[in-house]
Amino acid sequence: MDENKNIEESAEDVNEEISEETSKEDETESECNDTVSEQSALEDALKEANDKYVRLFAEYDNYRKRTTKEKTETYNNASAKCIENLLPVIDSFERSIEVECSDENFKNGMTMIFNQLKDFLNKMNVTEVDALGAEFDPNVHNAISQQDGTDYASNHVCTVFQKGYKIGDKLIRPAMVAVAI
C-alpha cells in the first residue's frame, strides 16, 4: 500500500510538473504572439511614416521645380519687356545711321554706339525676325499693306517697314511688312 501511495504521489507530481510546463509554454506562446503583434504594428507604423516621407519629398521636389520654372519665366518676361522698351531707340539709331551726315566723326560715333547696342542684344539672345524675301507668317509678321508688281513671289514679304525681334523662341515684336500679291 505504501508503494501504491508513493506511485500515486509520484504520478501527481509528474502531472503537476506537466501542468506547470504547459502553462509556461502557454505563457511563452502568449508572449511570442504579443511580440509578433507589436512587431506587425511597428512595421505598419514604419510603412506609414515612410509613405508620408516619400509623399512629402515628392511634394517638395515639385515645389522646387515649379518655383525654379516661375523664376525663369519671370526673368524672361522682364528681359523681354526691357528689350521691347529699348527697340524704339534701336530703330532710331538705325534710321540716324542711314541718313547722310557731313560730320564723319559724329557718324562714326553713332555707328559705334549702335554696334554696342547690337552686341548687347546678341548677349541677351535677341535675334531679328527673318522678313525680307521670306514667306509671310502671321505669327511673326504684321502685314500692313500688299504690293503688286514686285520681284518677289506671291505671299512673300517684299518690304520691311519695322524689324521684328525675338528673344529665344519668344516673339517680342512682330516685323511690320508689305506682302507681294
N, C-alpha and C. Protein backbone atom coordinates (compact mmCIF):
# COMPACT_ATOMS: atom_id res chain seq x y z
N MET A 1 0.79 -1.17 0.00
CA MET A 1 0.00 0.00 0.00
C MET A 1 0.85 1.26 0.00
N ASP A 2 1.88 1.17 0.76
CA ASP A 2 2.79 2.30 0.74
C ASP A 2 3.33 2.52 -0.66
N GLU A 3 3.51 1.42 -1.27
CA GLU A 3 4.04 1.51 -2.64
C GLU A 3 3.03 2.17 -3.56
N ASN A 4 1.77 1.84 -3.45
CA ASN A 4 0.71 2.45 -4.27
C ASN A 4 0.59 3.94 -3.97
N LYS A 5 0.75 4.23 -2.70
CA LYS A 5 0.66 5.61 -2.30
C LYS A 5 1.81 6.40 -2.91
N ASN A 6 2.98 5.86 -2.90
CA ASN A 6 4.16 6.51 -3.47
C ASN A 6 3.99 6.69 -4.97
N ILE A 7 3.40 5.69 -5.62
CA ILE A 7 3.19 5.76 -7.07
C ILE A 7 2.17 6.84 -7.37
N GLU A 8 1.13 6.91 -6.55
CA GLU A 8 0.11 7.93 -6.78
C GLU A 8 0.69 9.32 -6.56
N GLU A 9 1.52 9.44 -5.50
CA GLU A 9 2.14 10.74 -5.25
C GLU A 9 3.09 11.10 -6.37
N SER A 10 3.83 10.14 -6.89
CA SER A 10 4.76 10.38 -7.99
C SER A 10 3.99 10.78 -9.23
N ALA A 11 2.85 10.13 -9.46
CA ALA A 11 2.02 10.45 -10.63
C ALA A 11 1.48 11.85 -10.50
N GLU A 12 1.07 12.21 -9.28
CA GLU A 12 0.55 13.57 -9.07
C GLU A 12 1.66 14.59 -9.29
N ASP A 13 2.86 14.29 -8.83
CA ASP A 13 4.00 15.21 -9.02
C ASP A 13 4.29 15.39 -10.51
N VAL A 14 4.27 14.29 -11.22
CA VAL A 14 4.53 14.35 -12.67
C VAL A 14 3.43 15.17 -13.34
N ASN A 15 2.18 14.96 -12.98
CA ASN A 15 1.07 15.73 -13.56
C ASN A 15 1.22 17.21 -13.25
N GLU A 16 1.63 17.52 -12.03
CA GLU A 16 1.83 18.92 -11.66
C GLU A 16 2.95 19.53 -12.50
N GLU A 17 4.02 18.80 -12.69
CA GLU A 17 5.14 19.28 -13.49
C GLU A 17 4.70 19.50 -14.94
N ILE A 18 3.93 18.57 -15.46
CA ILE A 18 3.44 18.69 -16.84
C ILE A 18 2.53 19.91 -16.94
N SER A 19 1.68 20.11 -15.95
CA SER A 19 0.78 21.27 -15.92
C SER A 19 1.58 22.56 -15.89
N GLU A 20 2.60 22.58 -15.05
CA GLU A 20 3.44 23.78 -14.95
C GLU A 20 4.15 24.05 -16.27
N GLU A 21 4.68 23.02 -16.91
CA GLU A 21 5.37 23.18 -18.19
C GLU A 21 4.39 23.65 -19.26
N THR A 22 3.18 23.11 -19.27
CA THR A 22 2.17 23.50 -20.24
C THR A 22 1.79 24.96 -20.04
N SER A 23 1.63 25.36 -18.77
CA SER A 23 1.27 26.76 -18.52
C SER A 23 2.43 27.67 -18.88
N LYS A 24 3.68 27.23 -18.66
CA LYS A 24 4.85 28.02 -19.07
C LYS A 24 4.89 28.13 -20.59
N GLU A 25 4.60 27.04 -21.29
CA GLU A 25 4.57 27.07 -22.75
C GLU A 25 3.47 28.01 -23.24
N ASP A 26 2.30 27.96 -22.59
CA ASP A 26 1.20 28.86 -22.96
C ASP A 26 1.61 30.32 -22.75
N GLU A 27 2.30 30.59 -21.61
CA GLU A 27 2.77 31.94 -21.34
C GLU A 27 3.78 32.37 -22.40
N THR A 28 4.71 31.49 -22.74
CA THR A 28 5.73 31.79 -23.75
C THR A 28 5.07 32.03 -25.10
N GLU A 29 4.11 31.20 -25.45
CA GLU A 29 3.39 31.35 -26.71
C GLU A 29 2.62 32.66 -26.72
N SER A 30 2.02 33.02 -25.61
CA SER A 30 1.27 34.28 -25.49
C SER A 30 2.22 35.46 -25.64
N GLU A 31 3.38 35.37 -24.99
CA GLU A 31 4.38 36.44 -25.11
C GLU A 31 4.86 36.55 -26.55
N CYS A 32 5.06 35.43 -27.20
CA CYS A 32 5.51 35.40 -28.60
C CYS A 32 4.45 36.05 -29.49
N ASN A 33 3.19 35.72 -29.27
CA ASN A 33 2.10 36.31 -30.05
C ASN A 33 2.04 37.83 -29.83
N ASP A 34 2.25 38.26 -28.58
CA ASP A 34 2.26 39.69 -28.27
C ASP A 34 3.41 40.38 -29.01
N THR A 35 4.58 39.75 -29.01
CA THR A 35 5.74 40.32 -29.69
C THR A 35 5.50 40.41 -31.20
N VAL A 36 4.90 39.37 -31.77
CA VAL A 36 4.60 39.38 -33.20
C VAL A 36 3.61 40.49 -33.53
N SER A 37 2.59 40.65 -32.70
CA SER A 37 1.60 41.70 -32.97
C SER A 37 2.24 43.08 -32.78
N GLU A 38 3.13 43.25 -31.81
CA GLU A 38 3.83 44.52 -31.64
C GLU A 38 4.72 44.80 -32.84
N GLN A 39 5.41 43.77 -33.30
CA GLN A 39 6.28 43.92 -34.47
C GLN A 39 5.46 44.29 -35.70
N SER A 40 4.35 43.67 -35.88
CA SER A 40 3.46 43.97 -37.00
C SER A 40 2.97 45.42 -36.93
N ALA A 41 2.60 45.86 -35.72
CA ALA A 41 2.13 47.24 -35.54
C ALA A 41 3.26 48.22 -35.84
N LEU A 42 4.48 47.89 -35.39
CA LEU A 42 5.63 48.76 -35.67
C LEU A 42 5.94 48.81 -37.16
N GLU A 43 5.85 47.66 -37.84
CA GLU A 43 6.09 47.64 -39.28
C GLU A 43 5.05 48.48 -40.02
N ASP A 44 3.79 48.40 -39.59
CA ASP A 44 2.74 49.22 -40.20
C ASP A 44 3.02 50.71 -39.98
N ALA A 45 3.44 51.06 -38.77
CA ALA A 45 3.75 52.46 -38.48
C ALA A 45 4.94 52.93 -39.31
N LEU A 46 5.94 52.07 -39.48
CA LEU A 46 7.10 52.40 -40.30
C LEU A 46 6.71 52.60 -41.75
N LYS A 47 5.87 51.72 -42.28
CA LYS A 47 5.40 51.87 -43.66
C LYS A 47 4.64 53.17 -43.84
N GLU A 48 3.80 53.50 -42.87
CA GLU A 48 3.01 54.74 -42.94
C GLU A 48 3.94 55.96 -42.89
N ALA A 49 4.93 55.93 -41.99
CA ALA A 49 5.87 57.04 -41.88
C ALA A 49 6.70 57.16 -43.16
N ASN A 50 7.12 56.04 -43.71
CA ASN A 50 7.89 56.05 -44.95
C ASN A 50 7.05 56.61 -46.10
N ASP A 51 5.79 56.22 -46.17
CA ASP A 51 4.88 56.71 -47.21
C ASP A 51 4.71 58.23 -47.09
N LYS A 52 4.54 58.71 -45.86
CA LYS A 52 4.41 60.16 -45.63
C LYS A 52 5.69 60.87 -46.07
N TYR A 53 6.84 60.29 -45.75
CA TYR A 53 8.12 60.88 -46.14
C TYR A 53 8.25 60.96 -47.65
N VAL A 54 7.94 59.87 -48.34
CA VAL A 54 8.04 59.85 -49.80
C VAL A 54 7.11 60.89 -50.42
N ARG A 55 5.90 60.99 -49.92
CA ARG A 55 4.95 61.99 -50.43
C ARG A 55 5.44 63.41 -50.18
N LEU A 56 5.96 63.65 -48.98
CA LEU A 56 6.48 64.97 -48.64
C LEU A 56 7.68 65.33 -49.51
N PHE A 57 8.55 64.37 -49.74
CA PHE A 57 9.72 64.60 -50.59
C PHE A 57 9.28 64.92 -52.02
N ALA A 58 8.32 64.17 -52.54
CA ALA A 58 7.81 64.42 -53.89
C ALA A 58 7.15 65.79 -53.97
N GLU A 59 6.40 66.15 -52.96
CA GLU A 59 5.74 67.47 -52.92
C GLU A 59 6.79 68.58 -52.90
N TYR A 60 7.83 68.41 -52.11
CA TYR A 60 8.90 69.41 -52.06
C TYR A 60 9.62 69.50 -53.40
N ASP A 61 9.90 68.37 -54.02
CA ASP A 61 10.58 68.36 -55.32
C ASP A 61 9.73 69.08 -56.36
N ASN A 62 8.43 68.83 -56.38
CA ASN A 62 7.53 69.54 -57.30
C ASN A 62 7.53 71.03 -57.02
N TYR A 63 7.50 71.41 -55.75
CA TYR A 63 7.54 72.83 -55.37
C TYR A 63 8.83 73.48 -55.87
N ARG A 64 9.95 72.80 -55.67
CA ARG A 64 11.25 73.33 -56.11
C ARG A 64 11.28 73.52 -57.62
N LYS A 65 10.80 72.54 -58.36
CA LYS A 65 10.77 72.65 -59.82
C LYS A 65 9.84 73.77 -60.27
N ARG A 66 8.68 73.87 -59.63
CA ARG A 66 7.70 74.90 -60.00
C ARG A 66 8.26 76.30 -59.74
N THR A 67 8.90 76.51 -58.59
CA THR A 67 9.44 77.83 -58.29
C THR A 67 10.62 78.17 -59.20
N THR A 68 11.43 77.19 -59.54
CA THR A 68 12.53 77.42 -60.48
C THR A 68 11.98 77.84 -61.84
N LYS A 69 10.94 77.15 -62.29
CA LYS A 69 10.32 77.49 -63.57
C LYS A 69 9.72 78.90 -63.52
N GLU A 70 9.04 79.23 -62.41
CA GLU A 70 8.43 80.56 -62.28
C GLU A 70 9.49 81.65 -62.27
N LYS A 71 10.62 81.41 -61.59
CA LYS A 71 11.71 82.39 -61.58
C LYS A 71 12.26 82.60 -62.98
N THR A 72 12.45 81.52 -63.71
CA THR A 72 12.97 81.63 -65.07
C THR A 72 12.00 82.39 -65.95
N GLU A 73 10.71 82.07 -65.85
CA GLU A 73 9.70 82.77 -66.66
C GLU A 73 9.64 84.25 -66.29
N THR A 74 9.73 84.56 -65.01
CA THR A 74 9.70 85.96 -64.57
C THR A 74 10.90 86.71 -65.13
N TYR A 75 12.07 86.09 -65.08
CA TYR A 75 13.27 86.72 -65.63
C TYR A 75 13.12 86.93 -67.13
N ASN A 76 12.65 85.90 -67.84
CA ASN A 76 12.49 86.02 -69.29
C ASN A 76 11.47 87.09 -69.66
N ASN A 77 10.36 87.15 -68.92
CA ASN A 77 9.34 88.17 -69.19
C ASN A 77 9.88 89.58 -68.92
N ALA A 78 10.64 89.74 -67.84
CA ALA A 78 11.22 91.04 -67.52
C ALA A 78 12.24 91.44 -68.58
N SER A 79 13.06 90.48 -69.01
CA SER A 79 14.04 90.77 -70.06
C SER A 79 13.34 91.17 -71.35
N ALA A 80 12.30 90.43 -71.72
CA ALA A 80 11.56 90.74 -72.95
C ALA A 80 10.94 92.13 -72.87
N LYS A 81 10.38 92.48 -71.72
CA LYS A 81 9.76 93.80 -71.55
C LYS A 81 10.81 94.90 -71.66
N CYS A 82 11.96 94.68 -71.07
CA CYS A 82 13.06 95.66 -71.13
C CYS A 82 13.53 95.85 -72.57
N ILE A 83 13.73 94.74 -73.27
CA ILE A 83 14.17 94.81 -74.67
C ILE A 83 13.10 95.49 -75.52
N GLU A 84 11.85 95.17 -75.26
CA GLU A 84 10.74 95.77 -76.01
C GLU A 84 10.76 97.29 -75.87
N ASN A 85 11.06 97.79 -74.69
CA ASN A 85 11.13 99.23 -74.47
C ASN A 85 12.37 99.86 -75.09
N LEU A 86 13.40 99.05 -75.34
CA LEU A 86 14.65 99.53 -75.93
C LEU A 86 14.58 99.55 -77.47
N LEU A 87 13.68 98.78 -78.05
CA LEU A 87 13.62 98.65 -79.51
C LEU A 87 13.38 99.98 -80.25
N PRO A 88 12.52 100.87 -79.77
CA PRO A 88 12.38 102.16 -80.48
C PRO A 88 13.69 102.95 -80.55
N VAL A 89 14.51 102.86 -79.51
CA VAL A 89 15.81 103.53 -79.51
C VAL A 89 16.70 102.92 -80.59
N ILE A 90 16.68 101.62 -80.70
CA ILE A 90 17.49 100.93 -81.72
C ILE A 90 17.00 101.31 -83.11
N ASP A 91 15.68 101.37 -83.31
CA ASP A 91 15.13 101.80 -84.60
C ASP A 91 15.60 103.21 -84.94
N SER A 92 15.60 104.09 -83.96
CA SER A 92 16.04 105.47 -84.20
C SER A 92 17.52 105.51 -84.56
N PHE A 93 18.34 104.71 -83.90
CA PHE A 93 19.75 104.65 -84.24
C PHE A 93 19.94 104.16 -85.67
N GLU A 94 19.21 103.13 -86.07
CA GLU A 94 19.33 102.62 -87.44
C GLU A 94 18.98 103.70 -88.47
N ARG A 95 17.89 104.41 -88.20
CA ARG A 95 17.48 105.47 -89.13
C ARG A 95 18.51 106.61 -89.16
N SER A 96 19.06 106.95 -88.03
CA SER A 96 20.04 108.05 -87.99
C SER A 96 21.33 107.67 -88.70
N ILE A 97 21.71 106.43 -88.66
CA ILE A 97 22.93 105.99 -89.36
C ILE A 97 22.72 106.00 -90.87
N GLU A 98 21.51 105.71 -91.32
CA GLU A 98 21.22 105.67 -92.76
C GLU A 98 21.18 107.06 -93.39
N VAL A 99 20.97 108.09 -92.58
CA VAL A 99 20.88 109.47 -93.09
C VAL A 99 22.28 109.98 -93.40
N GLU A 100 22.38 110.76 -94.52
CA GLU A 100 23.65 111.38 -94.89
C GLU A 100 24.06 112.38 -93.82
N CYS A 101 25.35 112.38 -93.51
CA CYS A 101 25.87 113.29 -92.48
C CYS A 101 27.21 113.83 -92.96
N SER A 102 27.42 115.14 -92.81
CA SER A 102 28.68 115.75 -93.27
C SER A 102 29.80 115.55 -92.26
N ASP A 103 29.48 115.31 -91.01
CA ASP A 103 30.49 115.13 -89.97
C ASP A 103 30.75 113.63 -89.79
N GLU A 104 31.88 113.18 -90.32
CA GLU A 104 32.23 111.74 -90.26
C GLU A 104 32.47 111.27 -88.83
N ASN A 105 33.04 112.10 -87.98
CA ASN A 105 33.29 111.71 -86.59
C ASN A 105 31.97 111.44 -85.86
N PHE A 106 30.99 112.29 -86.11
CA PHE A 106 29.68 112.09 -85.49
C PHE A 106 29.05 110.79 -85.97
N LYS A 107 29.13 110.57 -87.29
CA LYS A 107 28.55 109.34 -87.87
C LYS A 107 29.26 108.10 -87.32
N ASN A 108 30.59 108.15 -87.20
CA ASN A 108 31.35 107.01 -86.64
C ASN A 108 30.97 106.77 -85.18
N GLY A 109 30.78 107.82 -84.42
CA GLY A 109 30.36 107.68 -83.02
C GLY A 109 28.99 107.02 -82.92
N MET A 110 28.06 107.45 -83.77
CA MET A 110 26.72 106.85 -83.78
C MET A 110 26.79 105.37 -84.17
N THR A 111 27.64 105.06 -85.14
CA THR A 111 27.81 103.66 -85.58
C THR A 111 28.38 102.81 -84.44
N MET A 112 29.34 103.36 -83.70
CA MET A 112 29.93 102.61 -82.58
C MET A 112 28.89 102.35 -81.49
N ILE A 113 28.07 103.35 -81.18
CA ILE A 113 27.02 103.17 -80.18
C ILE A 113 26.01 102.13 -80.65
N PHE A 114 25.64 102.21 -81.92
CA PHE A 114 24.70 101.24 -82.48
C PHE A 114 25.26 99.82 -82.41
N ASN A 115 26.55 99.67 -82.71
CA ASN A 115 27.18 98.34 -82.63
C ASN A 115 27.20 97.83 -81.20
N GLN A 116 27.38 98.71 -80.23
CA GLN A 116 27.33 98.30 -78.83
C GLN A 116 25.92 97.80 -78.48
N LEU A 117 24.92 98.50 -78.98
CA LEU A 117 23.54 98.05 -78.73
C LEU A 117 23.29 96.69 -79.37
N LYS A 118 23.80 96.47 -80.58
CA LYS A 118 23.63 95.17 -81.24
C LYS A 118 24.35 94.07 -80.48
N ASP A 119 25.53 94.37 -79.95
CA ASP A 119 26.26 93.38 -79.14
C ASP A 119 25.48 93.04 -77.87
N PHE A 120 24.88 94.06 -77.26
CA PHE A 120 24.05 93.82 -76.08
C PHE A 120 22.88 92.90 -76.42
N LEU A 121 22.23 93.15 -77.57
CA LEU A 121 21.11 92.30 -77.99
C LEU A 121 21.57 90.86 -78.21
N ASN A 122 22.74 90.69 -78.81
CA ASN A 122 23.28 89.33 -79.02
C ASN A 122 23.53 88.62 -77.69
N LYS A 123 24.05 89.35 -76.72
CA LYS A 123 24.30 88.76 -75.39
C LYS A 123 23.00 88.37 -74.70
N MET A 124 21.94 89.10 -74.98
CA MET A 124 20.63 88.82 -74.38
C MET A 124 19.85 87.78 -75.18
N ASN A 125 20.48 87.21 -76.22
CA ASN A 125 19.87 86.18 -77.07
C ASN A 125 18.68 86.73 -77.87
N VAL A 126 18.80 88.00 -78.26
CA VAL A 126 17.77 88.65 -79.07
C VAL A 126 18.19 88.55 -80.53
N THR A 127 17.27 88.08 -81.36
CA THR A 127 17.54 87.96 -82.80
C THR A 127 16.46 88.68 -83.60
N GLU A 128 16.84 89.08 -84.81
CA GLU A 128 15.86 89.70 -85.70
C GLU A 128 15.01 88.62 -86.34
N VAL A 129 13.76 88.97 -86.60
CA VAL A 129 12.86 88.06 -87.31
C VAL A 129 13.20 88.15 -88.79
N ASP A 130 13.43 87.00 -89.43
CA ASP A 130 13.68 86.99 -90.87
C ASP A 130 12.44 87.49 -91.58
N ALA A 131 12.62 88.51 -92.41
CA ALA A 131 11.42 89.08 -93.03
C ALA A 131 11.59 89.22 -94.54
N LEU A 132 12.49 90.05 -95.01
CA LEU A 132 12.59 90.36 -96.42
C LEU A 132 12.84 89.11 -97.25
N GLY A 133 11.91 88.82 -98.16
CA GLY A 133 12.02 87.66 -99.04
C GLY A 133 11.46 86.38 -98.44
N ALA A 134 11.14 86.39 -97.17
CA ALA A 134 10.61 85.19 -96.51
C ALA A 134 9.12 85.08 -96.80
N GLU A 135 8.60 83.87 -96.73
CA GLU A 135 7.17 83.67 -96.90
C GLU A 135 6.45 84.29 -95.70
N PHE A 136 5.33 84.94 -95.99
CA PHE A 136 4.58 85.62 -94.93
C PHE A 136 4.11 84.62 -93.89
N ASP A 137 4.41 84.93 -92.63
CA ASP A 137 3.98 84.11 -91.50
C ASP A 137 3.28 85.03 -90.50
N PRO A 138 1.96 84.90 -90.34
CA PRO A 138 1.25 85.81 -89.44
C PRO A 138 1.68 85.70 -87.98
N ASN A 139 2.41 84.65 -87.63
CA ASN A 139 2.89 84.50 -86.26
C ASN A 139 4.05 85.44 -85.95
N VAL A 140 4.82 85.83 -86.98
CA VAL A 140 5.99 86.70 -86.75
C VAL A 140 5.97 87.96 -87.60
N HIS A 141 5.05 88.06 -88.54
CA HIS A 141 4.95 89.25 -89.41
C HIS A 141 3.61 89.94 -89.20
N ASN A 142 3.64 91.25 -89.29
CA ASN A 142 2.43 92.06 -89.23
C ASN A 142 2.30 92.77 -90.57
N ALA A 143 1.44 92.25 -91.44
CA ALA A 143 1.28 92.83 -92.78
C ALA A 143 0.44 94.09 -92.68
N ILE A 144 1.01 95.20 -93.16
CA ILE A 144 0.25 96.45 -93.13
C ILE A 144 -0.15 96.90 -94.54
N SER A 145 0.40 96.21 -95.57
CA SER A 145 -0.04 96.52 -96.94
C SER A 145 0.32 95.36 -97.86
N GLN A 146 -0.27 95.43 -99.06
CA GLN A 146 0.04 94.47 -100.12
C GLN A 146 0.54 95.26 -101.32
N GLN A 147 1.48 94.67 -102.04
CA GLN A 147 2.05 95.37 -103.18
C GLN A 147 1.99 94.49 -104.42
N ASP A 148 1.66 95.15 -105.54
CA ASP A 148 1.62 94.49 -106.85
C ASP A 148 2.90 94.79 -107.61
N GLY A 149 3.25 93.94 -108.54
CA GLY A 149 4.35 94.19 -109.45
C GLY A 149 5.71 94.24 -108.78
N THR A 150 5.97 93.35 -107.82
CA THR A 150 7.29 93.29 -107.18
C THR A 150 8.06 92.11 -107.74
N ASP A 151 9.33 92.06 -107.41
CA ASP A 151 10.19 90.96 -107.85
C ASP A 151 10.06 89.73 -106.94
N TYR A 152 9.18 89.80 -105.96
CA TYR A 152 9.02 88.71 -105.00
C TYR A 152 7.81 87.85 -105.38
N ALA A 153 7.86 86.60 -104.99
CA ALA A 153 6.77 85.67 -105.25
C ALA A 153 5.55 86.06 -104.43
N SER A 154 4.42 85.58 -104.85
CA SER A 154 3.18 85.87 -104.14
C SER A 154 3.26 85.33 -102.71
N ASN A 155 2.69 86.10 -101.79
CA ASN A 155 2.64 85.77 -100.36
C ASN A 155 4.02 85.76 -99.70
N HIS A 156 4.94 86.55 -100.25
CA HIS A 156 6.27 86.72 -99.67
C HIS A 156 6.44 88.17 -99.26
N VAL A 157 7.24 88.41 -98.25
CA VAL A 157 7.50 89.77 -97.76
C VAL A 157 8.37 90.49 -98.77
N CYS A 158 7.89 91.66 -99.24
CA CYS A 158 8.64 92.43 -100.23
C CYS A 158 9.21 93.73 -99.66
N THR A 159 8.68 94.21 -98.56
CA THR A 159 9.19 95.43 -97.93
C THR A 159 9.07 95.28 -96.41
N VAL A 160 10.12 95.74 -95.70
CA VAL A 160 10.10 95.72 -94.24
C VAL A 160 10.08 97.16 -93.76
N PHE A 161 9.02 97.53 -93.06
CA PHE A 161 8.89 98.87 -92.51
C PHE A 161 9.51 98.98 -91.13
N GLN A 162 9.41 97.92 -90.34
CA GLN A 162 9.98 97.89 -88.99
C GLN A 162 10.41 96.46 -88.70
N LYS A 163 11.64 96.30 -88.23
CA LYS A 163 12.16 94.96 -87.95
C LYS A 163 11.43 94.34 -86.76
N GLY A 164 11.31 93.03 -86.80
CA GLY A 164 10.75 92.28 -85.69
C GLY A 164 11.88 91.61 -84.92
N TYR A 165 11.62 91.33 -83.65
CA TYR A 165 12.65 90.73 -82.80
C TYR A 165 12.08 89.61 -81.95
N LYS A 166 12.94 88.63 -81.67
CA LYS A 166 12.61 87.52 -80.79
C LYS A 166 13.70 87.39 -79.74
N ILE A 167 13.30 86.98 -78.55
CA ILE A 167 14.28 86.63 -77.52
C ILE A 167 14.12 85.13 -77.30
N GLY A 168 15.12 84.39 -77.73
CA GLY A 168 14.99 82.93 -77.74
C GLY A 168 13.92 82.56 -78.74
N ASP A 169 12.89 81.85 -78.30
CA ASP A 169 11.77 81.49 -79.17
C ASP A 169 10.57 82.41 -78.97
N LYS A 170 10.67 83.33 -78.04
CA LYS A 170 9.54 84.22 -77.72
C LYS A 170 9.60 85.48 -78.59
N LEU A 171 8.48 85.77 -79.24
CA LEU A 171 8.39 86.95 -80.09
C LEU A 171 8.21 88.18 -79.21
N ILE A 172 9.10 89.17 -79.40
CA ILE A 172 8.99 90.42 -78.66
C ILE A 172 8.15 91.42 -79.45
N ARG A 173 8.47 91.52 -80.75
CA ARG A 173 7.75 92.45 -81.61
C ARG A 173 7.71 91.85 -83.01
N PRO A 174 6.52 91.77 -83.62
CA PRO A 174 6.46 91.27 -84.99
C PRO A 174 7.01 92.29 -85.97
N ALA A 175 7.49 91.82 -87.10
CA ALA A 175 8.01 92.71 -88.14
C ALA A 175 6.83 93.31 -88.89
N MET A 176 6.86 94.64 -89.13
CA MET A 176 5.84 95.30 -89.93
C MET A 176 6.28 95.24 -91.38
N VAL A 177 5.46 94.60 -92.22
CA VAL A 177 5.89 94.31 -93.58
C VAL A 177 4.79 94.58 -94.59
N ALA A 178 5.23 94.61 -95.87
CA ALA A 178 4.30 94.62 -97.00
C ALA A 178 4.47 93.28 -97.69
N VAL A 179 3.36 92.72 -98.17
CA VAL A 179 3.38 91.38 -98.76
C VAL A 179 3.06 91.51 -100.25
N ALA A 180 3.82 90.74 -101.06
CA ALA A 180 3.59 90.74 -102.50
C ALA A 180 2.33 89.96 -102.82
N ILE A 181 1.58 90.49 -103.81
CA ILE A 181 0.34 89.80 -104.21
C ILE A 181 0.65 88.85 -105.35
